[in-house]
Protein backbone atom coordinates (compact mmCIF):
# COMPACT_ATOMS: atom_id res chain seq x y z
CA UNK A 1 0.00 0.00 0.00
CA UNK A 2 1.45 3.35 -1.06
CA UNK A 3 0.64 6.91 -0.04
CA UNK A 4 0.02 7.66 -3.71
CA UNK A 5 -2.65 4.95 -3.86
CA UNK A 6 -4.30 6.28 -0.71
CA UNK A 7 -4.44 9.77 -2.26
CA UNK A 8 -6.10 8.29 -5.33
CA UNK A 9 -8.55 6.35 -3.16
CA UNK A 10 -9.40 9.40 -1.01
CA UNK A 11 -10.01 11.58 -4.07
CA UNK A 12 -12.35 9.07 -5.72
CA UNK A 13 -14.16 8.68 -2.40
CA UNK A 14 -14.59 12.45 -2.01
CA UNK A 15 -15.77 13.09 -5.57
CA UNK A 16 -17.73 9.81 -5.99
CA UNK A 17 -16.45 9.70 -9.57
CA UNK A 18 -13.43 8.13 -11.27
CA UNK A 19 -13.53 10.64 -14.14
CA UNK A 20 -13.72 13.68 -11.84
CA UNK A 21 -10.99 12.27 -9.61
CA UNK A 22 -8.73 11.54 -12.60
CA UNK A 23 -9.14 15.12 -13.79
CA UNK A 24 -8.30 16.56 -10.36
CA UNK A 25 -5.29 14.25 -9.97
CA UNK A 26 -4.12 14.96 -13.54
CA UNK A 27 -4.23 11.26 -14.42
CA UNK A 28 -5.88 9.30 -17.19
CA UNK A 29 -8.94 7.39 -16.03
CA UNK A 30 -7.39 3.99 -16.93
CA UNK A 31 -4.30 4.86 -14.85
CA UNK A 32 -6.47 5.81 -11.87
CA UNK A 33 -8.59 2.68 -12.23
CA UNK A 34 -5.43 0.55 -12.29
CA UNK A 35 -4.12 2.25 -9.13
CA UNK A 36 -7.38 1.52 -7.28
CA UNK A 37 -7.44 -2.05 -8.61
CA UNK A 38 -3.91 -2.70 -7.31
CA UNK A 39 -4.91 -1.23 -3.93
CA UNK A 40 -7.95 -3.52 -3.81
CA UNK A 41 -5.74 -6.51 -4.67
CA UNK A 42 -3.33 -5.61 -1.87
CA UNK A 43 -6.18 -5.31 0.62
CA UNK A 44 -8.07 -8.30 -0.70
CA UNK A 45 -11.46 -6.61 -0.80
CA UNK A 46 -13.48 -4.32 -3.11
CA UNK A 47 -13.44 -0.65 -2.09
CA UNK A 48 -16.05 0.85 -4.45
CA UNK A 49 -19.33 -0.15 -6.02
CA UNK A 50 -21.46 1.56 -8.63
CA UNK A 51 -24.44 3.52 -7.32
CA UNK A 52 -27.17 5.78 -8.75
CA UNK A 53 -25.08 8.87 -7.99
CA UNK A 54 -21.67 7.57 -9.03
CA UNK A 55 -19.34 5.23 -7.18
CA UNK A 56 -19.93 4.52 -3.51
CA UNK A 57 -17.71 3.05 -0.83
CA UNK A 58 -18.22 -0.53 0.18
CA UNK A 59 -18.13 -1.47 3.86
CA UNK A 60 -14.41 -2.21 3.35
CA UNK A 61 -13.92 1.17 1.69
CA UNK A 62 -15.66 2.96 4.56
CA UNK A 63 -13.29 1.36 7.04
CA UNK A 64 -10.21 2.16 4.94
CA UNK A 65 -11.31 5.78 4.48
CA UNK A 66 -10.97 6.50 8.20
CA UNK A 67 -7.37 5.30 8.18
CA UNK A 68 -6.56 6.87 4.81
CA UNK A 69 -7.67 10.33 5.98
CA UNK A 70 -5.49 10.06 9.07
CA UNK A 71 -2.45 8.67 7.22
CA UNK A 72 -2.62 11.34 4.51
CA UNK A 73 -2.95 14.04 7.15
CA UNK A 74 0.08 12.70 9.01
CA UNK A 75 2.07 12.53 5.76
CA UNK A 76 1.31 16.18 5.00
CA UNK A 77 2.17 17.18 8.57
CA UNK A 78 5.47 15.30 8.37
CA UNK A 79 6.45 17.18 5.21
CA UNK A 80 5.56 20.49 6.88
CA UNK A 81 7.66 19.66 9.94
CA UNK A 82 10.67 18.59 7.86
CA UNK A 83 10.38 21.85 5.92
CA UNK A 84 10.35 23.71 9.24
CA UNK A 85 13.51 21.89 10.37
CA UNK A 86 15.14 22.88 7.08
CA UNK A 87 14.21 26.48 7.78
CA UNK A 88 11.47 26.54 5.15
CA UNK A 89 8.62 28.05 7.12
CA UNK A 90 5.67 27.01 5.05
CA UNK A 91 2.78 24.63 5.31
CA UNK A 92 -0.84 24.72 6.34
CA UNK A 93 -2.99 24.74 9.46
CA UNK A 94 -6.57 23.48 9.52
CA UNK A 95 -8.59 24.95 12.36
CA UNK A 96 -12.17 24.08 13.25
CA UNK A 97 -14.19 26.37 15.47
CA UNK A 98 -17.65 26.43 17.01
CA UNK A 99 -19.86 29.36 16.04
CA UNK A 100 -19.93 30.63 19.62
CA UNK A 101 -16.26 31.66 19.51
CA UNK A 102 -15.69 32.04 15.76
CA UNK A 103 -16.33 35.78 15.67
CA UNK A 104 -14.86 36.65 19.07
CA UNK A 105 -11.45 34.96 18.88
CA UNK A 106 -10.59 33.63 15.43
CA UNK A 107 -10.29 36.79 13.27
CA UNK A 108 -7.78 38.48 15.58
CA UNK A 109 -5.84 35.27 16.20
CA UNK A 110 -5.58 34.46 12.48
CA UNK A 111 -4.48 37.99 11.53
CA UNK A 112 -1.87 38.05 14.29
CA UNK A 113 -0.56 34.60 13.29
CA UNK A 114 -0.35 35.48 9.59
CA UNK A 115 1.70 38.58 10.33
CA UNK A 116 4.43 36.40 11.86
CA UNK A 117 3.96 33.29 9.70
CA UNK A 118 2.93 34.55 6.24
CA UNK A 119 3.98 31.35 4.44
CA UNK A 120 1.58 29.14 6.41
CA UNK A 121 -1.87 28.80 4.88
CA UNK A 122 -4.77 28.71 7.33
CA UNK A 123 -8.11 27.04 6.65
CA UNK A 124 -10.82 27.87 9.21
CA UNK A 125 -14.09 25.95 9.24
CA UNK A 126 -17.15 26.10 11.47
CA UNK A 127 -18.94 23.16 13.04
CA UNK A 128 -20.56 21.65 16.10
CA UNK A 129 -18.50 20.49 19.08
CA UNK A 130 -18.86 16.77 18.40
CA UNK A 131 -18.34 17.14 14.64
CA UNK A 132 -15.11 19.08 15.10
CA UNK A 133 -13.73 16.55 17.56
CA UNK A 134 -14.50 13.73 15.10
CA UNK A 135 -12.72 15.64 12.30
CA UNK A 136 -9.76 16.25 14.58
CA UNK A 137 -9.52 12.61 15.60
CA UNK A 138 -9.65 11.44 11.97
CA UNK A 139 -6.84 13.80 10.97
CA UNK A 140 -8.95 16.21 8.92
CA UNK A 141 -8.29 19.05 11.38
CA UNK A 142 -5.08 20.05 13.13
CA UNK A 143 -6.79 22.04 15.87
CA UNK A 144 -10.33 22.45 17.19
CA UNK A 145 -11.43 25.45 19.24
CA UNK A 146 -14.60 24.37 21.00
CA UNK A 147 -16.57 24.57 24.20
CA UNK A 148 -14.88 22.30 26.73
CA UNK A 149 -16.81 19.02 26.78
CA UNK A 150 -18.18 17.59 30.00
CA UNK A 151 -17.67 14.01 31.07
CA UNK A 152 -14.81 11.70 30.11
CA UNK A 153 -12.23 13.27 27.79
CA UNK A 154 -10.61 11.43 24.89
CA UNK A 155 -7.16 10.22 26.04
CA UNK A 156 -5.74 10.65 22.51
CA UNK A 157 -6.45 14.39 22.58
CA UNK A 158 -4.93 17.29 24.49
CA UNK A 159 -7.30 19.94 25.88
CA UNK A 160 -6.01 23.45 26.66
CA UNK A 161 -8.34 25.96 28.32
CA UNK A 162 -8.21 29.35 26.60
CA UNK A 163 -10.96 31.44 28.14
CA UNK A 164 -13.62 31.24 30.83
CA UNK A 165 -16.58 33.63 30.56
CA UNK A 166 -19.97 33.95 32.25
CA UNK A 167 -23.00 33.59 30.01
CA UNK A 168 -25.50 36.42 29.62
CA UNK A 169 -29.15 35.87 28.74
CA UNK A 170 -30.00 38.26 25.91
CA UNK A 171 -32.95 39.67 23.99
CA UNK A 172 -33.84 42.44 21.57
CA UNK A 173 -33.70 45.98 22.94
CA UNK A 174 -37.41 46.27 22.14
CA UNK A 175 -38.25 43.14 24.16
CA UNK A 176 -40.83 43.59 26.98
CA UNK A 177 -38.20 42.54 29.54
CA UNK A 178 -35.49 44.86 28.21
CA UNK A 179 -34.86 47.84 30.46
CA UNK A 180 -36.15 46.22 33.67
CA UNK A 181 -33.95 46.54 36.75
CA UNK A 182 -34.07 42.80 37.41
CA UNK A 183 -35.72 39.66 36.00
CA UNK A 184 -36.21 36.16 37.37
CA UNK A 185 -36.13 32.82 35.60
CA UNK A 186 -39.90 32.55 35.95
CA UNK A 187 -40.21 35.86 34.07
CA UNK A 188 -38.51 34.16 31.12
CA UNK A 189 -40.79 31.12 31.00
CA UNK A 190 -43.39 32.56 28.56
CA UNK A 191 -40.80 33.25 25.87
CA UNK A 192 -39.22 30.97 23.30
CA UNK A 193 -35.50 30.46 22.82
CA UNK A 194 -33.12 30.50 19.86
CA UNK A 195 -30.24 28.18 20.76
CA UNK A 196 -28.11 25.34 19.36
CA UNK A 197 -29.48 21.79 19.49
CA UNK A 198 -28.57 19.34 22.22
CA UNK A 199 -25.98 18.11 23.17
CA UNK A 200 -24.43 21.59 22.90
CA UNK A 201 -22.79 22.12 26.34
CA UNK A 202 -24.37 25.54 26.89
CA UNK A 203 -27.80 24.26 25.84
CA UNK A 204 -27.57 21.53 28.48
CA UNK A 205 -26.54 24.07 31.12
CA UNK A 206 -29.47 26.32 30.19
CA UNK A 207 -31.82 23.37 30.72
CA UNK A 208 -30.18 22.64 34.08
CA UNK A 209 -30.48 26.28 35.18
CA UNK A 210 -34.28 26.12 34.85
CA UNK A 211 -34.72 22.56 36.13
CA UNK A 212 -32.63 23.28 39.25
CA UNK A 213 -34.91 26.24 39.95
CA UNK A 214 -37.97 23.97 39.82
CA UNK A 215 -39.08 25.28 36.42
CA UNK A 216 -39.76 23.47 33.12
CA UNK A 217 -36.98 23.41 30.56
CA UNK A 218 -37.01 26.46 28.26
CA UNK A 219 -39.34 26.27 25.28
CA UNK A 220 -37.38 26.09 22.04
CA UNK A 221 -38.60 28.40 19.28
CA UNK A 222 -35.75 27.68 16.85
CA UNK A 223 -32.64 25.52 17.03
CA UNK A 224 -29.67 26.89 15.11
CA UNK A 225 -25.88 26.85 15.10
CA UNK A 226 -25.69 30.09 13.09
CA UNK A 227 -24.76 33.19 15.08
CA UNK A 228 -26.00 35.41 12.24
CA UNK A 229 -29.41 33.71 12.18
CA UNK A 230 -29.60 33.80 15.97
CA UNK A 231 -29.03 37.56 15.97
CA UNK A 232 -31.62 38.13 13.23
CA UNK A 233 -34.24 36.08 15.07
CA UNK A 234 -33.65 37.91 18.34
CA UNK A 235 -33.94 41.29 16.63
CA UNK A 236 -37.19 40.35 14.89
CA UNK A 237 -38.99 38.49 17.71
CA UNK A 238 -39.46 38.29 21.48
CA UNK A 239 -37.34 35.15 21.68
CA UNK A 240 -34.37 34.86 24.04
CA UNK A 241 -30.90 33.37 23.85
CA UNK A 242 -27.51 33.41 25.58
CA UNK A 243 -24.17 34.98 24.68
CA UNK A 244 -20.92 35.77 26.41
CA UNK A 245 -20.09 39.43 26.94
CA UNK A 246 -17.47 39.31 24.19
CA UNK A 247 -19.94 37.74 21.73
CA UNK A 248 -22.63 40.26 22.65
CA UNK A 249 -20.18 43.11 22.15
CA UNK A 250 -19.17 41.73 18.74
CA UNK A 251 -22.77 41.38 17.61
CA UNK A 252 -23.67 44.88 18.76
CA UNK A 253 -20.61 46.20 16.92
CA UNK A 254 -22.05 44.56 13.80
CA UNK A 255 -25.34 46.41 14.25
CA UNK A 256 -27.43 43.96 16.29
CA UNK A 257 -29.82 45.77 18.67
CA UNK A 258 -29.46 43.34 21.58
CA UNK A 259 -29.39 43.74 25.34
CA UNK A 260 -28.37 41.60 28.31
CA UNK A 261 -31.10 40.73 30.80
CA UNK A 262 -30.36 41.61 34.47
CA UNK A 263 -31.01 38.11 35.80
CA UNK A 264 -31.32 37.86 39.59
CA UNK A 265 -29.41 34.54 39.74
CA UNK A 266 -26.01 33.56 38.31
CA UNK A 267 -25.99 31.64 35.03
CA UNK A 268 -22.96 29.45 34.27
CA UNK A 269 -19.41 29.73 33.01
CA UNK A 270 -18.41 28.83 29.47
CA UNK A 271 -14.92 27.39 29.03
CA UNK A 272 -13.44 27.71 25.56
CA UNK A 273 -10.68 25.21 24.91
CA UNK A 274 -8.26 24.29 22.15
CA UNK A 275 -7.94 20.60 21.34
CA UNK A 276 -5.33 18.78 19.26
CA UNK A 277 -4.06 15.23 18.79
CA UNK A 278 -1.32 14.27 21.24
CA UNK A 279 0.59 12.43 18.49
CA UNK A 280 0.21 15.15 15.85
CA UNK A 281 3.44 16.07 14.08
CA UNK A 282 1.94 19.50 13.36
CA UNK A 283 2.57 20.47 16.98
CA UNK A 284 5.06 23.30 16.23
CA UNK A 285 2.52 25.08 14.01
CA UNK A 286 -0.36 24.31 16.36
CA UNK A 287 1.60 25.58 19.36
CA UNK A 288 2.52 28.77 17.52
CA UNK A 289 -1.12 29.42 16.66
CA UNK A 290 -2.20 28.62 20.23
CA UNK A 291 0.12 31.34 21.53
CA UNK A 292 -1.74 33.87 19.40
CA UNK A 293 -5.11 32.54 20.61
CA UNK A 294 -3.92 32.83 24.22
CA UNK A 295 -2.81 36.43 23.64
CA UNK A 296 -6.21 37.37 22.19
CA UNK A 297 -8.06 35.65 25.06
CA UNK A 298 -5.87 37.43 27.63
CA UNK A 299 -6.72 40.79 26.06
CA UNK A 300 -10.43 39.91 26.08
CA UNK A 301 -10.25 38.96 29.75
CA UNK A 302 -8.39 42.18 30.55
CA UNK A 303 -11.11 44.28 28.90
CA UNK A 304 -13.85 42.52 30.86
CA UNK A 305 -12.15 43.14 34.23
CA UNK A 306 -11.75 46.88 33.70
């Protein structure tokens, strides 16, 4: 089994087409088909089958894909690290981030990093906590910036806390509760909520906040992972949601007419953490980027304590 064959396999799998994959790889279709056939002979099992929408992975192909993604990622990371040892500071960094911290941390961290490492390409993608961790574990991300998960942590991953912030319950400035000197949880019960779906860590803590006070769980009006859609829904309705102070400030800077509710009980703390594979050979690049993230988070914390 060769890395070249795994690249061919991964490309066919991604595009679900031998002709499209051959074009992307700059190969003739017969040459690509032969490469896949040799790989199948080495493995002793078929990897693809014809389907209504092109070629599809067999059960053997599905299993190989998980390993192929990781091996190809490690191969690319190894080349980047060798280049770094040779003094050639180039390469790439793939960062996944949850929507909750995408706007508050990532832009400043990426700009700061690129100023000092202009030859390193950065790809930033957005996703849910669990999805990003799966992508990280399979080698399709180098770093995930997420909400710190509760429960048992994956022993193959390293978790670094970046920022801890209290959550604010928020609404439109025209909301009936906006402008009051204080509000209770029972005051919030009649209103719907715009929040991410379970098992988002903050969503679970919102449920617990109400249940621990002897109240029903909040009524969901809309479930969304989009910060932009969340802001639009809050501005246009009497629904409620939650944001950190930094996220609220960023949304208001973008023109959202939102306000924090003066709740008479404490909410909960959100811990933002950076996660990477312990065995990743991209550690030098990841560590360099983490230093920039830590600097941005320290500045955010300093502003909030003034």
